[in-house]
Amino acid sequence: MEWNEKFSRENQPEIADVAEYIDMKEWDVLFHELTEVIGAKPKLEHSRCSIPGWNMKFKKKGKNLCTAYPQEGKVQVLIIANQQYQAEIEALIAVSDNRIQLAYEKYDFLNGGKWLVFDIDSEELLRDALKLIQFRLL
């Protein structure tokens, strides 16, 4: 059953429901790194945007570090690349997984940031995502 079918707007999931639905170690590591190591606070929100349904935002000091969109067996993330660190981010992306490179090329900078939307379904993509999130902390 699809995430949006399982949890409608009126039926908010719990944080544990997200982990159960994604059911992969990379999600467990990402969640641990964001909440326990970085100290971000997870918050479930319902959206009707381009990726509709319940998502989980991770915020620290009022700044959104990333947004996670549950998928069965993987998680899709949205990370904003700060234009302020464009050279450093582009150097990282040049040695990252091809899917992150394609995500970076998909959008132009807007209001000082660029959306990177990609699936985390491997340890390599998880490592790259965590490196990109570090730029959100600066």
C-alpha atoms as a PDB file:
ATOM      1  CA  MET A   1       0.000   0.000   0.000  1.00  0.00           C
ATOM      2  CA  GLU A   2       1.286   3.431  -0.929  1.00  0.00           C
ATOM      3  CA  TRP A   3       2.267   5.846   1.867  1.00  0.00           C
ATOM      4  CA  ASN A   4      -0.442   8.362   0.907  1.00  0.00           C
ATOM      5  CA  GLU A   5      -3.093   5.641   0.930  1.00  0.00           C
ATOM      6  CA  LYS A   6      -1.968   4.285   4.285  1.00  0.00           C
ATOM      7  CA  PHE A   7      -1.809   7.720   5.948  1.00  0.00           C
ATOM      8  CA  SER A   8      -4.319  10.250   4.674  1.00  0.00           C
ATOM      9  CA  ARG A   9      -4.316  13.896   5.692  1.00  0.00           C
ATOM     10  CA  GLU A  10      -6.659  13.022   8.559  1.00  0.00           C
ATOM     11  CA  ASN A  11      -4.588  10.027   9.676  1.00  0.00           C
ATOM     12  CA  GLN A  12      -1.214  11.349  10.858  1.00  0.00           C
ATOM     13  CA  PRO A  13       1.507   8.713  11.178  1.00  0.00           C
ATOM     14  CA  GLU A  14       3.841   8.400  14.144  1.00  0.00           C
ATOM     15  CA  ILE A  15       7.617   8.630  13.737  1.00  0.00           C
ATOM     16  CA  ALA A  16       7.792   4.857  14.273  1.00  0.00           C
ATOM     17  CA  ASP A  17       5.371   4.378  11.339  1.00  0.00           C
ATOM     18  CA  VAL A  18       7.852   6.120   9.045  1.00  0.00           C
ATOM     19  CA  ALA A  19      10.683   3.762  10.014  1.00  0.00           C
ATOM     20  CA  GLU A  20       8.421   0.733   9.683  1.00  0.00           C
ATOM     21  CA  TYR A  21       7.248   1.773   6.211  1.00  0.00           C
ATOM     22  CA  ILE A  22      10.708   2.626   4.860  1.00  0.00           C
ATOM     23  CA  ASP A  23      12.199  -0.475   6.519  1.00  0.00           C
ATOM     24  CA  MET A  24      15.869  -0.007   5.629  1.00  0.00           C
ATOM     25  CA  LYS A  25      19.058   0.492   7.595  1.00  0.00           C
ATOM     26  CA  GLU A  26      20.001   3.669   5.696  1.00  0.00           C
ATOM     27  CA  TRP A  27      16.870   5.353   7.072  1.00  0.00           C
ATOM     28  CA  ASP A  28      17.775   4.268  10.589  1.00  0.00           C
ATOM     29  CA  VAL A  29      21.279   5.701  10.157  1.00  0.00           C
ATOM     30  CA  LEU A  30      19.991   8.952   8.611  1.00  0.00           C
ATOM     31  CA  PHE A  31      17.449   9.418  11.396  1.00  0.00           C
ATOM     32  CA  HIS A  32      20.084   8.693  14.068  1.00  0.00           C
ATOM     33  CA  GLU A  33      22.633  11.066  12.517  1.00  0.00           C
ATOM     34  CA  LEU A  34      20.121  13.883  12.179  1.00  0.00           C
ATOM     35  CA  THR A  35      18.494  13.545  15.591  1.00  0.00           C
ATOM     36  CA  GLU A  36      21.193  12.157  17.890  1.00  0.00           C
ATOM     37  CA  VAL A  37      24.450  13.400  16.338  1.00  0.00           C
ATOM     38  CA  ILE A  38      23.378  16.722  14.799  1.00  0.00           C
ATOM     39  CA  GLY A  39      20.541  17.399  17.242  1.00  0.00           C
ATOM     40  CA  ALA A  40      17.827  18.152  14.692  1.00  0.00           C
ATOM     41  CA  LYS A  41      14.187  17.863  15.687  1.00  0.00           C
ATOM     42  CA  PRO A  42      11.963  15.723  13.444  1.00  0.00           C
ATOM     43  CA  LYS A  43       8.498  17.029  12.650  1.00  0.00           C
ATOM     44  CA  LEU A  44       5.811  15.310  10.615  1.00  0.00           C
ATOM     45  CA  GLU A  45       3.950  17.608   8.235  1.00  0.00           C
ATOM     46  CA  HIS A  46       1.343  17.055   5.577  1.00  0.00           C
ATOM     47  CA  SER A  47       1.966  18.685   2.239  1.00  0.00           C
ATOM     48  CA  ARG A  48       0.082  19.156  -0.995  1.00  0.00           C
ATOM     49  CA  CYS A  49       3.151  20.371  -2.893  1.00  0.00           C
ATOM     50  CA  SER A  50       4.973  18.559  -5.693  1.00  0.00           C
ATOM     51  CA  ILE A  51       5.568  15.604  -3.341  1.00  0.00           C
ATOM     52  CA  PRO A  52       2.191  15.331  -1.587  1.00  0.00           C
ATOM     53  CA  GLY A  53       1.477  13.499   1.647  1.00  0.00           C
ATOM     54  CA  TRP A  54       3.134  13.165   5.026  1.00  0.00           C
ATOM     55  CA  ASN A  55       6.800  14.029   5.176  1.00  0.00           C
ATOM     56  CA  MET A  56       9.308  14.516   7.954  1.00  0.00           C
ATOM     57  CA  LYS A  57      11.232  17.762   8.259  1.00  0.00           C
ATOM     58  CA  PHE A  58      14.427  17.894  10.295  1.00  0.00           C
ATOM     59  CA  LYS A  59      15.102  21.326  11.753  1.00  0.00           C
ATOM     60  CA  LYS A  60      17.829  22.790  13.901  1.00  0.00           C
ATOM     61  CA  LYS A  61      17.808  26.365  15.166  1.00  0.00           C
ATOM     62  CA  GLY A  62      14.860  27.159  12.896  1.00  0.00           C
ATOM     63  CA  LYS A  63      16.668  25.985   9.759  1.00  0.00           C
ATOM     64  CA  ASN A  64      15.343  23.075   7.712  1.00  0.00           C
ATOM     65  CA  LEU A  65      18.234  20.639   7.228  1.00  0.00           C
ATOM     66  CA  CYS A  66      16.309  18.276   4.989  1.00  0.00           C
ATOM     67  CA  THR A  67      12.862  16.884   4.314  1.00  0.00           C
ATOM     68  CA  ALA A  68      12.294  13.135   4.065  1.00  0.00           C
ATOM     69  CA  TYR A  69       9.515  11.628   1.966  1.00  0.00           C
ATOM     70  CA  PRO A  70       8.799   7.997   2.926  1.00  0.00           C
ATOM     71  CA  GLN A  71       8.850   5.438   0.138  1.00  0.00           C
ATOM     72  CA  GLU A  72       8.576   1.690   0.440  1.00  0.00           C
ATOM     73  CA  GLY A  73      12.137   0.368   0.807  1.00  0.00           C
ATOM     74  CA  LYS A  74      13.775   3.770   0.415  1.00  0.00           C
ATOM     75  CA  VAL A  75      13.431   7.394   1.344  1.00  0.00           C
ATOM     76  CA  GLN A  76      13.360  10.412  -0.929  1.00  0.00           C
ATOM     77  CA  VAL A  77      15.025  13.518   0.468  1.00  0.00           C
ATOM     78  CA  LEU A  78      14.978  17.197  -0.332  1.00  0.00           C
ATOM     79  CA  ILE A  79      18.128  19.055   0.629  1.00  0.00           C
ATOM     80  CA  ILE A  80      18.615  22.731  -0.202  1.00  0.00           C
ATOM     81  CA  ALA A  81      22.091  23.531  -1.521  1.00  0.00           C
ATOM     82  CA  ASN A  82      23.103  27.009  -0.335  1.00  0.00           C
ATOM     83  CA  GLN A  83      24.404  29.213  -3.129  1.00  0.00           C
ATOM     84  CA  GLN A  84      26.777  30.732  -0.567  1.00  0.00           C
ATOM     85  CA  TYR A  85      28.738  27.435  -0.606  1.00  0.00           C
ATOM     86  CA  GLN A  86      28.271  26.732  -4.311  1.00  0.00           C
ATOM     87  CA  ALA A  87      31.938  25.997  -5.080  1.00  0.00           C
ATOM     88  CA  GLU A  88      32.301  23.571  -2.154  1.00  0.00           C
ATOM     89  CA  ILE A  89      28.987  21.865  -2.895  1.00  0.00           C
ATOM     90  CA  GLU A  90      29.821  21.491  -6.582  1.00  0.00           C
ATOM     91  CA  ALA A  91      33.177  19.921  -5.663  1.00  0.00           C
ATOM     92  CA  LEU A  92      31.337  17.411  -3.464  1.00  0.00           C
ATOM     93  CA  ILE A  93      28.699  16.719  -6.100  1.00  0.00           C
ATOM     94  CA  ALA A  94      31.370  16.108  -8.737  1.00  0.00           C
ATOM     95  CA  VAL A  95      32.487  13.013  -6.805  1.00  0.00           C
ATOM     96  CA  SER A  96      28.989  11.973  -5.681  1.00  0.00           C
ATOM     97  CA  ASP A  97      26.623   9.397  -7.114  1.00  0.00           C
ATOM     98  CA  ASN A  98      25.320  10.195 -10.600  1.00  0.00           C
ATOM     99  CA  ARG A  99      21.769  10.539  -9.244  1.00  0.00           C
ATOM    100  CA  ILE A 100      22.862  13.407  -7.004  1.00  0.00           C
ATOM    101  CA  GLN A 101      24.610  15.049  -9.949  1.00  0.00           C
ATOM    102  CA  LEU A 102      21.396  14.814 -11.969  1.00  0.00           C
ATOM    103  CA  ALA A 103      19.376  16.206  -9.060  1.00  0.00           C
ATOM    104  CA  TYR A 104      21.772  19.156  -8.811  1.00  0.00           C
ATOM    105  CA  GLU A 105      21.436  19.913 -12.529  1.00  0.00           C
ATOM    106  CA  LYS A 106      17.631  19.741 -12.457  1.00  0.00           C
ATOM    107  CA  TYR A 107      16.971  23.132 -10.790  1.00  0.00           C
ATOM    108  CA  ASP A 108      18.517  26.581 -10.919  1.00  0.00           C
ATOM    109  CA  PHE A 109      19.362  28.593  -7.827  1.00  0.00           C
ATOM    110  CA  LEU A 110      16.350  30.465  -6.497  1.00  0.00           C
ATOM    111  CA  ASN A 111      16.434  32.749  -3.464  1.00  0.00           C
ATOM    112  CA  GLY A 112      19.958  31.616  -2.605  1.00  0.00           C
ATOM    113  CA  GLY A 113      19.290  27.881  -2.757  1.00  0.00           C
ATOM    114  CA  LYS A 114      18.901  24.961  -5.109  1.00  0.00           C
ATOM    115  CA  TRP A 115      16.664  21.957  -4.501  1.00  0.00           C
ATOM    116  CA  LEU A 116      18.259  18.542  -4.584  1.00  0.00           C
ATOM    117  CA  VAL A 117      15.669  15.777  -4.591  1.00  0.00           C
ATOM    118  CA  PHE A 118      16.904  12.195  -4.708  1.00  0.00           C
ATOM    119  CA  ASP A 119      16.308   8.750  -3.266  1.00  0.00           C
ATOM    120  CA  ILE A 120      18.505   7.294  -0.580  1.00  0.00           C
ATOM    121  CA  ASP A 121      18.628   3.586  -1.245  1.00  0.00           C
ATOM    122  CA  SER A 122      22.299   2.813  -0.627  1.00  0.00           C
ATOM    123  CA  GLU A 123      25.074   3.559   1.835  1.00  0.00           C
ATOM    124  CA  GLU A 124      26.856   5.684  -0.780  1.00  0.00           C
ATOM    125  CA  LEU A 125      23.840   7.942  -1.289  1.00  0.00           C
ATOM    126  CA  LEU A 126      23.393   8.158   2.471  1.00  0.00           C
ATOM    127  CA  ARG A 127      27.011   9.308   2.942  1.00  0.00           C
ATOM    128  CA  ASP A 128      26.650  11.910   0.191  1.00  0.00           C
ATOM    129  CA  ALA A 129      23.366  13.185   1.668  1.00  0.00           C
ATOM    130  CA  LEU A 130      24.928  13.579   5.114  1.00  0.00           C
ATOM    131  CA  LYS A 131      27.817  15.548   3.594  1.00  0.00           C
ATOM    132  CA  LEU A 132      25.367  17.865   1.826  1.00  0.00           C
ATOM    133  CA  ILE A 133      23.403  18.351   5.041  1.00  0.00           C
ATOM    134  CA  GLN A 134      26.589  19.584   6.736  1.00  0.00           C
ATOM    135  CA  PHE A 135      26.437  22.692   4.537  1.00  0.00           C
ATOM    136  CA  ARG A 136      22.989  23.458   6.004  1.00  0.00           C
ATOM    137  CA  LEU A 137      24.602  23.688   9.445  1.00  0.00           C
ATOM    138  CA  LEU A 138      27.076  26.432   8.479  1.00  0.00           C
END
